Amino acid sequence: MEMQSDTPDEVVWRVLEGPDAWIDTLITFALHPSSNGGTTLLFTHARWAEASEFMSGCSTNWGSYLTSLKTGAENGRFAAYPHGEISRWS
């Protein structure tokens, strides 16, 4: 990864290595205050060269990982999701 932006409210990485479809994509984590006094995490994985089954699988996995992170932050019990699995893709 190469840091593109690093502020208190946003981190943006450009992917330099990994699966070919990920190269030069941008991964963004942005924090925004929500109306209920909490914080909303907005996540994007952008600049894919083309839509593919791999991209869909990555999108699903990102959602699962972020949901697991939210659950851990709320109850203090962090765990890999799902059940220790890192990736279904090689």
PDB file of N, CA and C in Angstrom:
ATOM      1  N   MET A   1       0.835  -1.171   0.000  1.00  0.00           N
ATOM      2  CA  MET A   1       0.000   0.000   0.000  1.00  0.00           C
ATOM      3  C   MET A   1       0.883   1.240   0.000  1.00  0.00           C
ATOM      4  N   GLU A   2       0.353   2.274  -0.615  1.00  0.00           N
ATOM      5  CA  GLU A   2       0.985   3.587  -0.579  1.00  0.00           C
ATOM      6  C   GLU A   2      -0.040   4.565  -0.021  1.00  0.00           C
ATOM      7  N   MET A   3       0.355   5.297   0.996  1.00  0.00           N
ATOM      8  CA  MET A   3      -0.542   6.259   1.619  1.00  0.00           C
ATOM      9  C   MET A   3      -0.799   7.406   0.650  1.00  0.00           C
ATOM     10  N   GLN A   4      -2.077   7.665   0.367  1.00  0.00           N
ATOM     11  CA  GLN A   4      -2.466   8.774  -0.488  1.00  0.00           C
ATOM     12  C   GLN A   4      -2.958   9.958   0.341  1.00  0.00           C
ATOM     13  N   SER A   5      -3.560   9.644   1.488  1.00  0.00           N
ATOM     14  CA  SER A   5      -4.091  10.665   2.386  1.00  0.00           C
ATOM     15  C   SER A   5      -4.120  10.074   3.784  1.00  0.00           C
ATOM     16  N   ASP A   6      -3.768  10.878   4.775  1.00  0.00           N
ATOM     17  CA  ASP A   6      -3.796  10.430   6.165  1.00  0.00           C
ATOM     18  C   ASP A   6      -4.120  11.639   7.031  1.00  0.00           C
ATOM     19  N   THR A   7      -5.389  11.804   7.332  1.00  0.00           N
ATOM     20  CA  THR A   7      -5.848  12.898   8.179  1.00  0.00           C
ATOM     21  C   THR A   7      -6.622  12.291   9.341  1.00  0.00           C
ATOM     22  N   PRO A   8      -6.988  13.073  10.352  1.00  0.00           N
ATOM     23  CA  PRO A   8      -7.774  12.514  11.456  1.00  0.00           C
ATOM     24  C   PRO A   8      -9.124  11.931  11.014  1.00  0.00           C
ATOM     25  N   ASP A   9      -9.630  12.391   9.874  1.00  0.00           N
ATOM     26  CA  ASP A   9     -10.955  11.940   9.412  1.00  0.00           C
ATOM     27  C   ASP A   9     -10.917  10.980   8.233  1.00  0.00           C
ATOM     28  N   GLU A  10      -9.740  10.764   7.642  1.00  0.00           N
ATOM     29  CA  GLU A  10      -9.707   9.933   6.439  1.00  0.00           C
ATOM     30  C   GLU A  10      -8.324   9.330   6.216  1.00  0.00           C
ATOM     31  N   VAL A  11      -8.333   8.063   5.790  1.00  0.00           N
ATOM     32  CA  VAL A  11      -7.117   7.374   5.356  1.00  0.00           C
ATOM     33  C   VAL A  11      -7.409   6.799   3.976  1.00  0.00           C
ATOM     34  N   VAL A  12      -6.500   7.062   3.034  1.00  0.00           N
ATOM     35  CA  VAL A  12      -6.646   6.527   1.678  1.00  0.00           C
ATOM     36  C   VAL A  12      -5.350   5.822   1.309  1.00  0.00           C
ATOM     37  N   TRP A  13      -5.475   4.569   0.877  1.00  0.00           N
ATOM     38  CA  TRP A  13      -4.337   3.782   0.422  1.00  0.00           C
ATOM     39  C   TRP A  13      -4.497   3.475  -1.061  1.00  0.00           C
ATOM     40  N   ARG A  14      -3.382   3.476  -1.792  1.00  0.00           N
ATOM     41  CA  ARG A  14      -3.357   2.978  -3.162  1.00  0.00           C
ATOM     42  C   ARG A  14      -2.651   1.632  -3.117  1.00  0.00           C
ATOM     43  N   VAL A  15      -3.270   0.624  -3.675  1.00  0.00           N
ATOM     44  CA  VAL A  15      -2.725  -0.735  -3.644  1.00  0.00           C
ATOM     45  C   VAL A  15      -1.610  -0.871  -4.680  1.00  0.00           C
ATOM     46  N   LEU A  16      -0.446  -1.317  -4.222  1.00  0.00           N
ATOM     47  CA  LEU A  16       0.719  -1.496  -5.100  1.00  0.00           C
ATOM     48  C   LEU A  16       1.013  -2.952  -5.404  1.00  0.00           C
ATOM     49  N   GLU A  17       0.642  -3.852  -4.486  1.00  0.00           N
ATOM     50  CA  GLU A  17       0.915  -5.281  -4.655  1.00  0.00           C
ATOM     51  C   GLU A  17      -0.314  -6.070  -4.256  1.00  0.00           C
ATOM     52  N   GLY A  18      -0.381  -7.299  -4.717  1.00  0.00           N
ATOM     53  CA  GLY A  18      -1.492  -8.179  -4.374  1.00  0.00           C
ATOM     54  C   GLY A  18      -2.100  -8.751  -5.636  1.00  0.00           C
ATOM     55  N   PRO A  19      -3.351  -9.172  -5.537  1.00  0.00           N
ATOM     56  CA  PRO A  19      -4.017  -9.701  -6.732  1.00  0.00           C
ATOM     57  C   PRO A  19      -3.999  -8.645  -7.844  1.00  0.00           C
ATOM     58  N   ASP A  20      -3.802  -9.085  -9.076  1.00  0.00           N
ATOM     59  CA  ASP A  20      -3.711  -8.151 -10.212  1.00  0.00           C
ATOM     60  C   ASP A  20      -4.875  -7.154 -10.254  1.00  0.00           C
ATOM     61  N   ALA A  21      -6.072  -7.624  -9.965  1.00  0.00           N
ATOM     62  CA  ALA A  21      -7.253  -6.748 -10.041  1.00  0.00           C
ATOM     63  C   ALA A  21      -7.216  -5.634  -8.999  1.00  0.00           C
ATOM     64  N   TRP A  22      -6.413  -5.790  -7.947  1.00  0.00           N
ATOM     65  CA  TRP A  22      -6.330  -4.776  -6.895  1.00  0.00           C
ATOM     66  C   TRP A  22      -5.323  -3.677  -7.204  1.00  0.00           C
ATOM     67  N   ILE A  23      -4.359  -3.936  -8.073  1.00  0.00           N
ATOM     68  CA  ILE A  23      -3.288  -2.976  -8.323  1.00  0.00           C
ATOM     69  C   ILE A  23      -3.877  -1.647  -8.791  1.00  0.00           C
ATOM     70  N   ASP A  24      -3.445  -0.567  -8.147  1.00  0.00           N
ATOM     71  CA  ASP A  24      -3.879   0.816  -8.415  1.00  0.00           C
ATOM     72  C   ASP A  24      -5.310   1.122  -7.970  1.00  0.00           C
ATOM     73  N   THR A  25      -5.955   0.198  -7.253  1.00  0.00           N
ATOM     74  CA  THR A  25      -7.244   0.561  -6.671  1.00  0.00           C
ATOM     75  C   THR A  25      -6.991   1.414  -5.432  1.00  0.00           C
ATOM     76  N   LEU A  26      -8.020   2.123  -4.994  1.00  0.00           N
ATOM     77  CA  LEU A  26      -7.933   2.969  -3.806  1.00  0.00           C
ATOM     78  C   LEU A  26      -8.847   2.434  -2.720  1.00  0.00           C
ATOM     79  N   ILE A  27      -8.303   2.330  -1.513  1.00  0.00           N
ATOM     80  CA  ILE A  27      -9.070   1.889  -0.345  1.00  0.00           C
ATOM     81  C   ILE A  27      -9.162   3.084   0.598  1.00  0.00           C
ATOM     82  N   THR A  28     -10.404   3.479   0.919  1.00  0.00           N
ATOM     83  CA  THR A  28     -10.633   4.670   1.728  1.00  0.00           C
ATOM     84  C   THR A  28     -11.461   4.339   2.958  1.00  0.00           C
ATOM     85  N   PHE A  29     -11.004   4.834   4.102  1.00  0.00           N
ATOM     86  CA  PHE A  29     -11.747   4.787   5.355  1.00  0.00           C
ATOM     87  C   PHE A  29     -11.961   6.238   5.776  1.00  0.00           C
ATOM     88  N   ALA A  30     -13.206   6.680   5.864  1.00  0.00           N
ATOM     89  CA  ALA A  30     -13.505   8.059   6.243  1.00  0.00           C
ATOM     90  C   ALA A  30     -14.476   8.067   7.414  1.00  0.00           C
ATOM     91  N   LEU A  31     -14.189   8.889   8.417  1.00  0.00           N
ATOM     92  CA  LEU A  31     -15.038   9.004   9.604  1.00  0.00           C
ATOM     93  C   LEU A  31     -15.868  10.279   9.520  1.00  0.00           C
ATOM     94  N   HIS A  32     -17.180  10.135   9.770  1.00  0.00           N
ATOM     95  CA  HIS A  32     -18.089  11.281   9.747  1.00  0.00           C
ATOM     96  C   HIS A  32     -18.973  11.234  10.981  1.00  0.00           C
ATOM     97  N   PRO A  33     -19.194  12.373  11.630  1.00  0.00           N
ATOM     98  CA  PRO A  33     -20.112  12.387  12.771  1.00  0.00           C
ATOM     99  C   PRO A  33     -21.524  12.054  12.298  1.00  0.00           C
ATOM    100  N   SER A  34     -22.232  11.272  13.097  1.00  0.00           N
ATOM    101  CA  SER A  34     -23.624  10.946  12.750  1.00  0.00           C
ATOM    102  C   SER A  34     -24.570  11.797  13.595  1.00  0.00           C
ATOM    103  N   SER A  35     -25.807  11.848  13.188  1.00  0.00           N
ATOM    104  CA  SER A  35     -26.787  12.721  13.845  1.00  0.00           C
ATOM    105  C   SER A  35     -27.097  12.287  15.279  1.00  0.00           C
ATOM    106  N   ASN A  36     -26.800  11.046  15.633  1.00  0.00           N
ATOM    107  CA  ASN A  36     -27.101  10.561  16.989  1.00  0.00           C
ATOM    108  C   ASN A  36     -25.921  10.727  17.957  1.00  0.00           C
ATOM    109  N   GLY A  37     -24.894  11.463  17.527  1.00  0.00           N
ATOM    110  CA  GLY A  37     -23.737  11.686  18.388  1.00  0.00           C
ATOM    111  C   GLY A  37     -22.634  10.668  18.209  1.00  0.00           C
ATOM    112  N   GLY A  38     -22.843   9.665  17.387  1.00  0.00           N
ATOM    113  CA  GLY A  38     -21.832   8.646  17.139  1.00  0.00           C
ATOM    114  C   GLY A  38     -20.977   9.003  15.933  1.00  0.00           C
ATOM    115  N   THR A  39     -20.328   8.014  15.413  1.00  0.00           N
ATOM    116  CA  THR A  39     -19.468   8.196  14.250  1.00  0.00           C
ATOM    117  C   THR A  39     -19.820   7.145  13.210  1.00  0.00           C
ATOM    118  N   THR A  40     -19.862   7.556  11.956  1.00  0.00           N
ATOM    119  CA  THR A  40     -20.107   6.649  10.839  1.00  0.00           C
ATOM    120  C   THR A  40     -18.808   6.444  10.080  1.00  0.00           C
ATOM    121  N   LEU A  41     -18.471   5.184   9.813  1.00  0.00           N
ATOM    122  CA  LEU A  41     -17.316   4.843   8.999  1.00  0.00           C
ATOM    123  C   LEU A  41     -17.798   4.631   7.571  1.00  0.00           C
ATOM    124  N   LEU A  42     -17.296   5.440   6.655  1.00  0.00           N
ATOM    125  CA  LEU A  42     -17.594   5.252   5.235  1.00  0.00           C
ATOM    126  C   LEU A  42     -16.379   4.595   4.598  1.00  0.00           C
ATOM    127  N   PHE A  43     -16.602   3.473   3.928  1.00  0.00           N
ATOM    128  CA  PHE A  43     -15.537   2.687   3.336  1.00  0.00           C
ATOM    129  C   PHE A  43     -15.773   2.587   1.833  1.00  0.00           C
ATOM    130  N   THR A  44     -14.712   2.736   1.061  1.00  0.00           N
ATOM    131  CA  THR A  44     -14.798   2.468  -0.381  1.00  0.00           C
ATOM    132  C   THR A  44     -13.547   1.725  -0.834  1.00  0.00           C
ATOM    133  N   HIS A  45     -13.731   0.871  -1.797  1.00  0.00           N
ATOM    134  CA  HIS A  45     -12.619   0.229  -2.509  1.00  0.00           C
ATOM    135  C   HIS A  45     -12.906   0.524  -3.972  1.00  0.00           C
ATOM    136  N   ALA A  46     -12.215   1.534  -4.519  1.00  0.00           N
ATOM    137  CA  ALA A  46     -12.577   2.115  -5.812  1.00  0.00           C
ATOM    138  C   ALA A  46     -11.482   1.933  -6.860  1.00  0.00           C
ATOM    139  N   ARG A  47     -11.818   2.339  -8.063  1.00  0.00           N
ATOM    140  CA  ARG A  47     -10.942   2.341  -9.244  1.00  0.00           C
ATOM    141  C   ARG A  47     -10.623   0.937  -9.757  1.00  0.00           C
ATOM    142  N   TRP A  48     -11.575   0.019  -9.602  1.00  0.00           N
ATOM    143  CA  TRP A  48     -11.409  -1.301 -10.202  1.00  0.00           C
ATOM    144  C   TRP A  48     -11.411  -1.130 -11.722  1.00  0.00           C
ATOM    145  N   ALA A  49     -10.563  -1.866 -12.411  1.00  0.00           N
ATOM    146  CA  ALA A  49     -10.491  -1.782 -13.875  1.00  0.00           C
ATOM    147  C   ALA A  49     -11.777  -2.295 -14.520  1.00  0.00           C
ATOM    148  N   GLU A  50     -12.367  -3.339 -13.929  1.00  0.00           N
ATOM    149  CA  GLU A  50     -13.609  -3.884 -14.467  1.00  0.00           C
ATOM    150  C   GLU A  50     -14.349  -4.663 -13.389  1.00  0.00           C
ATOM    151  N   ALA A  51     -15.649  -4.721 -13.531  1.00  0.00           N
ATOM    152  CA  ALA A  51     -16.458  -5.526 -12.617  1.00  0.00           C
ATOM    153  C   ALA A  51     -16.170  -7.005 -12.889  1.00  0.00           C
ATOM    154  N   SER A  52     -16.084  -7.789 -11.817  1.00  0.00           N
ATOM    155  CA  SER A  52     -15.792  -9.221 -11.982  1.00  0.00           C
ATOM    156  C   SER A  52     -16.326  -9.981 -10.775  1.00  0.00           C
ATOM    157  N   GLU A  53     -16.290 -11.302 -10.868  1.00  0.00           N
ATOM    158  CA  GLU A  53     -16.678 -12.141  -9.740  1.00  0.00           C
ATOM    159  C   GLU A  53     -15.749 -11.884  -8.551  1.00  0.00           C
ATOM    160  N   PHE A  54     -14.463 -11.690  -8.831  1.00  0.00           N
ATOM    161  CA  PHE A  54     -13.492 -11.402  -7.770  1.00  0.00           C
ATOM    162  C   PHE A  54     -13.852 -10.098  -7.057  1.00  0.00           C
ATOM    163  N   MET A  55     -14.193  -9.053  -7.806  1.00  0.00           N
ATOM    164  CA  MET A  55     -14.575  -7.777  -7.207  1.00  0.00           C
ATOM    165  C   MET A  55     -15.805  -7.951  -6.319  1.00  0.00           C
ATOM    166  N   SER A  56     -16.777  -8.700  -6.771  1.00  0.00           N
ATOM    167  CA  SER A  56     -17.978  -8.947  -5.967  1.00  0.00           C
ATOM    168  C   SER A  56     -17.639  -9.690  -4.684  1.00  0.00           C
ATOM    169  N   GLY A  57     -16.767 -10.689  -4.785  1.00  0.00           N
ATOM    170  CA  GLY A  57     -16.348 -11.430  -3.597  1.00  0.00           C
ATOM    171  C   GLY A  57     -15.617 -10.542  -2.610  1.00  0.00           C
ATOM    172  N   CYS A  58     -14.751  -9.667  -3.113  1.00  0.00           N
ATOM    173  CA  CYS A  58     -14.025  -8.735  -2.240  1.00  0.00           C
ATOM    174  C   CYS A  58     -14.999  -7.787  -1.553  1.00  0.00           C
ATOM    175  N   SER A  59     -15.973  -7.283  -2.280  1.00  0.00           N
ATOM    176  CA  SER A  59     -16.959  -6.369  -1.695  1.00  0.00           C
ATOM    177  C   SER A  59     -17.727  -7.048  -0.571  1.00  0.00           C
ATOM    178  N   THR A  60     -18.110  -8.293  -0.778  1.00  0.00           N
ATOM    179  CA  THR A  60     -18.818  -9.049   0.254  1.00  0.00           C
ATOM    180  C   THR A  60     -17.925  -9.249   1.468  1.00  0.00           C
ATOM    181  N   ASN A  61     -16.669  -9.628   1.239  1.00  0.00           N
ATOM    182  CA  ASN A  61     -15.744  -9.849   2.354  1.00  0.00           C
ATOM    183  C   ASN A  61     -15.466  -8.563   3.125  1.00  0.00           C
ATOM    184  N   TRP A  62     -15.264  -7.436   2.425  1.00  0.00           N
ATOM    185  CA  TRP A  62     -15.058  -6.168   3.126  1.00  0.00           C
ATOM    186  C   TRP A  62     -16.239  -5.889   4.043  1.00  0.00           C
ATOM    187  N   GLY A  63     -17.460  -6.094   3.549  1.00  0.00           N
ATOM    188  CA  GLY A  63     -18.648  -5.873   4.373  1.00  0.00           C
ATOM    189  C   GLY A  63     -18.644  -6.756   5.609  1.00  0.00           C
ATOM    190  N   SER A  64     -18.266  -7.998   5.448  1.00  0.00           N
ATOM    191  CA  SER A  64     -18.204  -8.926   6.576  1.00  0.00           C
ATOM    192  C   SER A  64     -17.159  -8.499   7.595  1.00  0.00           C
ATOM    193  N   TYR A  65     -15.981  -8.113   7.115  1.00  0.00           N
ATOM    194  CA  TYR A  65     -14.912  -7.698   8.031  1.00  0.00           C
ATOM    195  C   TYR A  65     -15.304  -6.443   8.806  1.00  0.00           C
ATOM    196  N   LEU A  66     -15.918  -5.494   8.123  1.00  0.00           N
ATOM    197  CA  LEU A  66     -16.302  -4.249   8.793  1.00  0.00           C
ATOM    198  C   LEU A  66     -17.439  -4.482   9.782  1.00  0.00           C
ATOM    199  N   THR A  67     -18.355  -5.374   9.457  1.00  0.00           N
ATOM    200  CA  THR A  67     -19.422  -5.717  10.401  1.00  0.00           C
ATOM    201  C   THR A  67     -18.829  -6.379  11.638  1.00  0.00           C
ATOM    202  N   SER A  68     -17.845  -7.258  11.451  1.00  0.00           N
ATOM    203  CA  SER A  68     -17.171  -7.907  12.569  1.00  0.00           C
ATOM    204  C   SER A  68     -16.453  -6.879  13.436  1.00  0.00           C
ATOM    205  N   LEU A  69     -15.801  -5.898  12.803  1.00  0.00           N
ATOM    206  CA  LEU A  69     -15.126  -4.834  13.540  1.00  0.00           C
ATOM    207  C   LEU A  69     -16.126  -4.022  14.362  1.00  0.00           C
ATOM    208  N   LYS A  70     -17.273  -3.698  13.776  1.00  0.00           N
ATOM    209  CA  LYS A  70     -18.319  -2.949  14.483  1.00  0.00           C
ATOM    210  C   LYS A  70     -18.803  -3.728  15.704  1.00  0.00           C
ATOM    211  N   THR A  71     -19.052  -5.002  15.527  1.00  0.00           N
ATOM    212  CA  THR A  71     -19.512  -5.846  16.630  1.00  0.00           C
ATOM    213  C   THR A  71     -18.473  -5.877  17.748  1.00  0.00           C
ATOM    214  N   GLY A  72     -17.203  -6.027  17.386  1.00  0.00           N
ATOM    215  CA  GLY A  72     -16.144  -6.038  18.394  1.00  0.00           C
ATOM    216  C   GLY A  72     -16.034  -4.719  19.132  1.00  0.00           C
ATOM    217  N   ALA A  73     -16.168  -3.618  18.409  1.00  0.00           N
ATOM    218  CA  ALA A  73     -16.088  -2.301  19.044  1.00  0.00           C
ATOM    219  C   ALA A  73     -17.247  -2.078  20.012  1.00  0.00           C
ATOM    220  N   GLU A  74     -18.396  -2.658  19.692  1.00  0.00           N
ATOM    221  CA  GLU A  74     -19.571  -2.465  20.538  1.00  0.00           C
ATOM    222  C   GLU A  74     -19.581  -3.370  21.767  1.00  0.00           C
ATOM    223  N   ASN A  75     -19.016  -4.580  21.654  1.00  0.00           N
ATOM    224  CA  ASN A  75     -19.098  -5.499  22.791  1.00  0.00           C
ATOM    225  C   ASN A  75     -17.748  -5.972  23.323  1.00  0.00           C
ATOM    226  N   GLY A  76     -16.648  -5.494  22.720  1.00  0.00           N
ATOM    227  CA  GLY A  76     -15.317  -5.844  23.210  1.00  0.00           C
ATOM    228  C   GLY A  76     -14.843  -7.229  22.835  1.00  0.00           C
ATOM    229  N   ARG A  77     -15.593  -7.955  22.031  1.00  0.00           N
ATOM    230  CA  ARG A  77     -15.206  -9.310  21.623  1.00  0.00           C
ATOM    231  C   ARG A  77     -14.883  -9.313  20.129  1.00  0.00           C
ATOM    232  N   PHE A  78     -13.607  -9.076  19.835  1.00  0.00           N
ATOM    233  CA  PHE A  78     -13.160  -9.036  18.445  1.00  0.00           C
ATOM    234  C   PHE A  78     -12.796 -10.440  17.980  1.00  0.00           C
ATOM    235  N   ALA A  79     -13.096 -10.751  16.739  1.00  0.00           N
ATOM    236  CA  ALA A  79     -12.728 -12.035  16.156  1.00  0.00           C
ATOM    237  C   ALA A  79     -12.642 -11.881  14.644  1.00  0.00           C
ATOM    238  N   ALA A  80     -11.799 -12.699  14.019  1.00  0.00           N
ATOM    239  CA  ALA A  80     -11.754 -12.706  12.559  1.00  0.00           C
ATOM    240  C   ALA A  80     -13.110 -13.160  12.041  1.00  0.00           C
ATOM    241  N   TYR A  81     -13.469 -12.693  10.873  1.00  0.00           N
ATOM    242  CA  TYR A  81     -14.771 -13.049  10.311  1.00  0.00           C
ATOM    243  C   TYR A  81     -14.565 -13.643   8.948  1.00  0.00           C
ATOM    244  N   PRO A  82     -15.264 -14.645   8.551  1.00  0.00           N
ATOM    245  CA  PRO A  82     -16.064 -15.512   9.402  1.00  0.00           C
ATOM    246  C   PRO A  82     -15.210 -16.600  10.024  1.00  0.00           C
ATOM    247  N   HIS A  83     -15.266 -16.684  11.289  1.00  0.00           N
ATOM    248  CA  HIS A  83     -14.650 -17.733  12.092  1.00  0.00           C
ATOM    249  C   HIS A  83     -13.200 -18.015  11.708  1.00  0.00           C
ATOM    250  N   GLY A  84     -12.383 -16.947  11.625  1.00  0.00           N
ATOM    251  CA  GLY A  84     -10.964 -17.104  11.363  1.00  0.00           C
ATOM    252  C   GLY A  84     -10.575 -17.095   9.902  1.00  0.00           C
ATOM    253  N   GLU A  85     -11.551 -17.081   9.011  1.00  0.00           N
ATOM    254  CA  GLU A  85     -11.242 -17.088   7.582  1.00  0.00           C
ATOM    255  C   GLU A  85     -10.693 -15.732   7.155  1.00  0.00           C
ATOM    256  N   ILE A  86      -9.616 -15.726   6.413  1.00  0.00           N
ATOM    257  CA  ILE A  86      -9.044 -14.488   5.907  1.00  0.00           C
ATOM    258  C   ILE A  86      -9.565 -14.201   4.494  1.00  0.00           C
ATOM    259  N   SER A  87      -9.539 -15.182   3.619  1.00  0.00           N
ATOM    260  CA  SER A  87      -9.999 -14.961   2.248  1.00  0.00           C
ATOM    261  C   SER A  87     -10.378 -16.273   1.591  1.00  0.00           C
ATOM    262  N   ARG A  88     -11.345 -16.210   0.714  1.00  0.00           N
ATOM    263  CA  ARG A  88     -11.714 -17.378  -0.091  1.00  0.00           C
ATOM    264  C   ARG A  88     -10.967 -17.360  -1.427  1.00  0.00           C
ATOM    265  N   TRP A  89     -10.243 -16.260  -1.675  1.00  0.00           N
ATOM    266  CA  TRP A  89      -9.585 -16.086  -2.961  1.00  0.00           C
ATOM    267  C   TRP A  89      -8.085 -16.263  -2.799  1.00  0.00           C
ATOM    268  N   SER A  90      -7.463 -16.837  -3.796  1.00  0.00           N
ATOM    269  CA  SER A  90      -6.000 -16.963  -3.749  1.00  0.00           C
ATOM    270  C   SER A  90      -5.375 -16.213  -4.890  1.00  0.00           C
TER     271      SER A  90
END
